[in-house]
Amino acid sequence: MRLMSNTAVALTITLAAPAFAQDQTAPPPAITITGNVAIVSDYRMRGVSLSDTKPAIQGGITIAHKSGLYGGLWASNLAGWGTFGGPNLELDAIGGFKTGVGDGTLDVGLTWYNYPGGARLTDFVEFFGRYGGTIGPVSLTAGVYYAPPQLSLGNFANTPQSRGQRQDNIYVTGDATVGIPKTPFTLTAHIGNSTGNPGLGPNGRSVTPTGQYWDWSLGSDITYRNLTLNVSYIGTSITARNSAYLLPQFSRGQNGSGSIANGTVVVGLIASF
């Protein structure tokens, strides 16, 4: 499940089972349900603000089967860039399969990015594959996210030649976490590279607005019971020069002043259940 600010935050809830005689334990349940609710100072999607650099409320729920199959929903309010009318809400549907491979875990699936009640030609589907494992105290994850050619990702210039155009998008990531022994702190790091349509699709949709860019983050989690406080610095390689043609939409307040891809500190409080 994609959590706030596109950082490498991973929240796992383990349900304790009562012990039986001779240290025997009950078998794990066939189905588990987990979820989280978060408030963040800025919703950053791959380094770009989708809440107009303002706070956002987010939450999700996942239902997983012991076979490795899982499905879930995740939602966030939106503002500024990436809003398409309606309730200004992003609602993602996620489905996938996790299994052990070698010394790590393989996770494959898809995400449907939906903007209910908004303008047409904004939703899109993206497939993903992630593989993660540990080396000593460090957890490492590599991921590839691919959105096949879709109308919502096509370059659009309000001309007959641009109508019906389809573009695809690829996003490659690397994430690392390391827990500090005997403390509630976990250090996190993320880097990603986006390649896709170098412009605006119908209704302003664009997953990679400048065609190609990097995003990164460095941060720390502080966990107490089911609460996690994350503080991260998030940045991108998008400069004012190579995003100038996206103005005024690609700016804070959509008035042409201040890029929504500038580096910033993002704070989030996540409650898991």
Protein backbone atom coordinates (compact mmCIF):
# COMPACT_ATOMS: atom_id res chain seq x y z
CA MET A 1 0.00 0.00 0.00
CA ARG A 2 1.29 3.40 -0.96
CA LEU A 3 1.60 5.52 2.15
CA MET A 4 2.06 9.22 2.66
CA SER A 5 4.59 11.31 0.79
CA ASN A 6 5.96 8.41 -1.23
CA THR A 7 8.52 7.71 1.51
CA ALA A 8 9.77 4.27 2.45
CA VAL A 9 7.39 3.93 5.40
CA ALA A 10 6.31 0.32 5.97
CA LEU A 11 3.71 -0.34 8.65
CA THR A 12 2.94 -3.92 9.70
CA ILE A 13 0.46 -5.06 12.31
CA THR A 14 0.95 -8.47 13.93
CA LEU A 15 -2.02 -9.95 15.74
CA ALA A 16 -0.93 -11.95 18.78
CA ALA A 17 -2.48 -15.40 19.24
CA PRO A 18 -3.11 -16.93 22.68
CA ALA A 19 -0.64 -19.58 23.80
CA PHE A 20 -1.66 -23.18 24.41
CA ALA A 21 -0.05 -25.82 26.56
CA GLN A 22 3.47 -27.00 25.72
CA ASP A 23 4.18 -23.59 24.03
CA GLN A 24 1.87 -24.43 21.13
CA THR A 25 0.22 -21.55 19.30
CA ALA A 26 -2.90 -21.30 17.18
CA PRO A 27 -2.41 -21.38 13.40
CA PRO A 28 -2.41 -17.98 11.71
CA PRO A 29 -5.81 -16.77 10.47
CA ALA A 30 -6.69 -17.37 6.84
CA ILE A 31 -7.61 -13.71 6.37
CA THR A 32 -6.13 -10.62 8.04
CA ILE A 33 -7.33 -7.03 7.85
CA THR A 34 -4.96 -4.12 8.44
CA GLY A 35 -5.25 -0.41 7.92
CA ASN A 36 -3.96 3.04 8.74
CA VAL A 37 -5.07 6.66 9.01
CA ALA A 38 -2.59 9.51 8.55
CA ILE A 39 -2.36 13.27 8.60
CA VAL A 40 0.55 14.71 6.63
CA SER A 41 1.86 18.24 6.21
CA ASP A 42 2.04 17.79 2.41
CA TYR A 43 0.93 14.96 0.10
CA ARG A 44 3.91 14.28 -2.13
CA MET A 45 3.45 11.81 -4.98
CA ARG A 46 6.88 10.94 -6.37
CA GLY A 47 8.21 14.22 -5.05
CA VAL A 48 5.46 16.45 -6.47
CA SER A 49 2.84 18.00 -4.17
CA LEU A 50 -0.73 16.93 -4.87
CA SER A 51 -2.14 18.91 -1.95
CA ASP A 52 -0.82 22.34 -3.04
CA THR A 53 1.88 22.06 -0.30
CA LYS A 54 -0.92 21.96 2.31
CA PRO A 55 -1.84 19.22 4.82
CA ALA A 56 -3.77 16.15 3.74
CA ILE A 57 -5.72 13.40 5.46
CA GLN A 58 -5.12 9.89 4.15
CA GLY A 59 -6.12 6.37 4.98
CA GLY A 60 -6.24 2.85 3.69
CA ILE A 61 -7.34 -0.70 4.40
CA THR A 62 -5.95 -4.02 3.17
CA ILE A 63 -7.45 -7.51 3.25
CA ALA A 64 -4.87 -10.29 2.84
CA HIS A 65 -5.25 -14.06 2.46
CA LYS A 66 -2.68 -16.50 3.78
CA SER A 67 -2.06 -17.62 0.19
CA GLY A 68 -0.41 -14.25 -0.47
CA LEU A 69 -3.28 -12.62 -2.34
CA TYR A 70 -4.38 -9.21 -1.09
CA GLY A 71 -6.54 -6.25 -2.03
CA GLY A 72 -7.15 -2.81 -0.60
CA LEU A 73 -8.23 0.79 -0.93
CA TRP A 74 -6.29 3.98 -0.21
CA ALA A 75 -7.56 7.57 -0.28
CA SER A 76 -6.31 11.14 0.10
CA ASN A 77 -7.73 14.62 -0.37
CA LEU A 78 -6.17 16.72 -3.13
CA ALA A 79 -5.62 20.41 -3.90
CA GLY A 80 -4.03 22.41 -6.69
CA TRP A 81 -2.12 20.36 -9.26
CA GLY A 82 -3.82 17.08 -10.10
CA THR A 83 -7.36 17.99 -9.04
CA PHE A 84 -10.14 17.41 -11.51
CA GLY A 85 -13.27 18.69 -9.82
CA GLY A 86 -15.77 16.57 -7.94
CA PRO A 87 -14.73 16.05 -4.30
CA ASN A 88 -11.01 16.54 -5.16
CA LEU A 89 -10.30 13.04 -3.90
CA GLU A 90 -7.87 10.35 -4.95
CA LEU A 91 -9.15 6.82 -4.39
CA ASP A 92 -6.76 4.00 -5.27
CA ALA A 93 -7.75 0.35 -5.61
CA ILE A 94 -4.84 -2.05 -5.12
CA GLY A 95 -4.59 -5.78 -5.74
CA GLY A 96 -1.59 -8.05 -5.61
CA PHE A 97 0.22 -11.20 -4.57
CA LYS A 98 3.14 -11.63 -2.15
CA THR A 99 5.36 -14.67 -1.89
CA GLY A 100 8.79 -15.62 -0.62
CA VAL A 101 11.50 -15.90 -3.27
CA GLY A 102 14.99 -16.81 -2.15
CA ASP A 103 15.81 -14.86 1.00
CA GLY A 104 13.35 -12.07 0.22
CA THR A 105 9.74 -11.28 -0.68
CA LEU A 106 8.31 -10.68 -4.14
CA ASP A 107 5.23 -8.44 -4.39
CA VAL A 108 3.42 -8.03 -7.73
CA GLY A 109 0.10 -6.38 -8.55
CA LEU A 110 -1.64 -3.32 -9.91
CA THR A 111 -3.05 0.01 -8.76
CA TRP A 112 -6.04 1.78 -10.26
CA TYR A 113 -5.74 5.52 -9.63
CA ASN A 114 -9.28 6.90 -9.54
CA TYR A 115 -10.59 10.45 -9.08
CA PRO A 116 -14.31 10.00 -8.35
CA GLY A 117 -16.68 12.67 -9.60
CA GLY A 118 -13.89 14.49 -11.43
CA ALA A 119 -13.32 15.25 -15.09
CA ARG A 120 -13.16 12.45 -17.64
CA LEU A 121 -9.94 10.82 -18.86
CA THR A 122 -8.07 11.16 -15.58
CA ASP A 123 -8.02 7.60 -14.17
CA PHE A 124 -5.19 5.24 -15.06
CA VAL A 125 -3.89 1.76 -14.21
CA GLU A 126 -0.32 0.96 -13.17
CA PHE A 127 1.31 -2.46 -12.69
CA PHE A 128 4.07 -2.95 -10.13
CA GLY A 129 6.70 -5.44 -9.06
CA ARG A 130 8.77 -5.15 -5.88
CA TYR A 131 11.41 -7.36 -4.34
CA GLY A 132 12.75 -6.82 -0.83
CA GLY A 133 15.05 -8.48 1.66
CA THR A 134 17.45 -7.77 4.50
CA ILE A 135 21.21 -7.51 4.76
CA GLY A 136 22.11 -7.41 8.43
CA PRO A 137 20.09 -4.57 10.01
CA VAL A 138 19.22 -3.00 6.63
CA SER A 139 16.01 -3.73 4.71
CA LEU A 140 16.25 -3.08 0.97
CA THR A 141 13.49 -2.95 -1.65
CA ALA A 142 13.68 -2.44 -5.41
CA GLY A 143 10.56 -1.69 -7.44
CA VAL A 144 9.36 -1.16 -10.99
CA TYR A 145 6.01 0.50 -11.75
CA TYR A 146 4.66 0.49 -15.30
CA ALA A 147 1.56 2.26 -16.62
CA PRO A 148 0.80 0.95 -20.12
CA PRO A 149 -0.30 3.36 -22.88
CA GLN A 150 -3.51 5.11 -21.84
CA LEU A 151 -5.51 8.12 -23.01
CA SER A 152 -5.17 9.80 -19.60
CA LEU A 153 -1.36 9.84 -19.99
CA GLY A 154 -1.24 11.06 -23.60
CA ASN A 155 0.09 14.46 -24.58
CA PHE A 156 -2.85 16.73 -25.37
CA ALA A 157 -2.75 20.08 -27.16
CA ASN A 158 -6.42 20.60 -28.08
CA THR A 159 -5.76 19.79 -31.70
CA PRO A 160 -7.24 17.03 -33.87
CA GLN A 161 -3.78 15.44 -34.15
CA SER A 162 -3.44 15.00 -30.38
CA ARG A 163 -6.83 13.47 -29.72
CA GLY A 164 -6.75 9.76 -29.00
CA GLN A 165 -3.01 9.80 -28.27
CA ARG A 166 -1.80 7.28 -25.70
CA GLN A 167 1.40 7.36 -23.65
CA ASP A 168 2.93 5.03 -21.10
CA ASN A 169 4.99 5.69 -17.95
CA ILE A 170 7.69 3.84 -16.02
CA TYR A 171 8.89 4.48 -12.49
CA VAL A 172 11.92 2.68 -10.97
CA THR A 173 12.63 2.88 -7.24
CA GLY A 174 15.04 1.86 -4.52
CA ASP A 175 14.24 2.05 -0.80
CA ALA A 176 16.19 1.31 2.37
CA THR A 177 15.33 1.25 6.07
CA VAL A 178 17.49 0.56 9.10
CA GLY A 179 16.35 0.39 12.69
CA ILE A 180 18.51 1.87 15.42
CA PRO A 181 18.91 -0.84 18.09
CA LYS A 182 17.20 -0.29 21.45
CA THR A 183 15.44 2.85 20.20
CA PRO A 184 12.07 3.56 18.52
CA PHE A 185 13.87 5.17 15.56
CA THR A 186 14.07 3.82 12.01
CA LEU A 187 16.03 5.64 9.31
CA THR A 188 14.52 5.68 5.80
CA ALA A 189 15.84 6.51 2.33
CA HIS A 190 14.20 6.50 -1.09
CA ILE A 191 15.18 7.26 -4.68
CA GLY A 192 13.04 7.03 -7.79
CA ASN A 193 13.23 7.81 -11.50
CA SER A 194 10.17 8.64 -13.62
CA THR A 195 10.02 8.51 -17.42
CA GLY A 196 6.82 9.29 -19.32
CA ASN A 197 4.80 11.87 -21.20
CA PRO A 198 6.64 15.23 -21.38
CA GLY A 199 3.57 17.40 -21.14
CA LEU A 200 -0.03 17.55 -20.04
CA GLY A 201 -2.63 14.96 -20.87
CA PRO A 202 -6.40 15.53 -21.05
CA ASN A 203 -7.60 17.67 -18.12
CA GLY A 204 -3.99 18.28 -17.02
CA ARG A 205 -3.18 14.67 -16.09
CA SER A 206 0.57 13.93 -16.07
CA VAL A 207 2.46 11.38 -14.00
CA THR A 208 5.87 12.61 -15.21
CA PRO A 209 5.22 16.27 -16.08
CA THR A 210 8.70 17.07 -17.39
CA GLY A 211 9.20 13.78 -19.25
CA GLN A 212 11.97 12.49 -16.98
CA TYR A 213 13.08 13.33 -13.46
CA TRP A 214 14.44 11.96 -10.17
CA ASP A 215 12.86 12.13 -6.74
CA TRP A 216 14.39 11.24 -3.38
CA SER A 217 13.79 11.38 0.34
CA LEU A 218 15.70 10.94 3.60
CA GLY A 219 13.91 10.64 6.88
CA SER A 220 13.21 8.92 10.16
CA ASP A 221 10.29 7.10 11.76
CA ILE A 222 9.58 7.22 15.49
CA THR A 223 7.21 4.44 16.54
CA TYR A 224 5.22 4.06 19.75
CA ARG A 225 2.75 1.19 19.84
CA ASN A 226 0.48 1.70 16.83
CA LEU A 227 1.58 5.30 16.17
CA THR A 228 4.38 6.34 13.84
CA LEU A 229 5.74 9.85 13.40
CA ASN A 230 7.65 10.31 10.15
CA VAL A 231 9.84 13.30 9.32
CA SER A 232 11.39 13.35 5.84
CA TYR A 233 13.10 15.72 3.48
CA ILE A 234 11.72 15.20 -0.03
CA GLY A 235 13.24 16.63 -3.20
CA THR A 236 13.25 16.28 -6.99
CA SER A 237 15.48 17.12 -9.94
CA ILE A 238 12.70 19.25 -11.49
CA THR A 239 14.05 22.78 -11.95
CA ALA A 240 12.14 26.01 -12.48
CA ARG A 241 13.51 26.14 -16.02
CA ASN A 242 12.37 22.70 -17.18
CA SER A 243 8.92 23.08 -15.61
CA ALA A 244 8.27 26.67 -16.76
CA TYR A 245 5.98 25.56 -19.58
CA LEU A 246 3.68 23.92 -16.98
CA LEU A 247 2.94 27.20 -15.21
CA PRO A 248 0.73 28.40 -13.67
CA GLN A 249 -0.73 24.95 -12.85
CA PHE A 250 2.61 23.60 -11.58
CA SER A 251 2.94 26.17 -8.79
CA ARG A 252 1.76 26.75 -5.25
CA GLY A 253 -1.70 28.28 -5.39
CA GLN A 254 -1.55 27.80 -9.18
CA ASN A 255 -0.63 31.45 -9.53
CA GLY A 256 2.84 30.97 -11.01
CA SER A 257 4.84 31.54 -7.80
CA GLY A 258 6.75 28.72 -6.13
CA SER A 259 7.18 25.25 -7.66
CA ILE A 260 5.29 22.34 -6.10
CA ALA A 261 8.36 20.16 -6.77
CA ASN A 262 10.79 22.17 -4.62
CA GLY A 263 12.52 20.32 -1.79
CA THR A 264 10.69 20.41 1.53
CA VAL A 265 10.36 18.75 4.93
CA VAL A 266 7.21 16.65 5.28
CA VAL A 267 5.84 15.49 8.63
CA GLY A 268 3.27 12.75 8.99
CA LEU A 269 1.53 11.02 11.89
CA ILE A 270 0.22 7.53 11.08
CA ALA A 271 -2.07 5.40 13.24
CA SER A 272 -2.19 1.70 12.31
CA PHE A 273 -4.77 -0.88 13.23
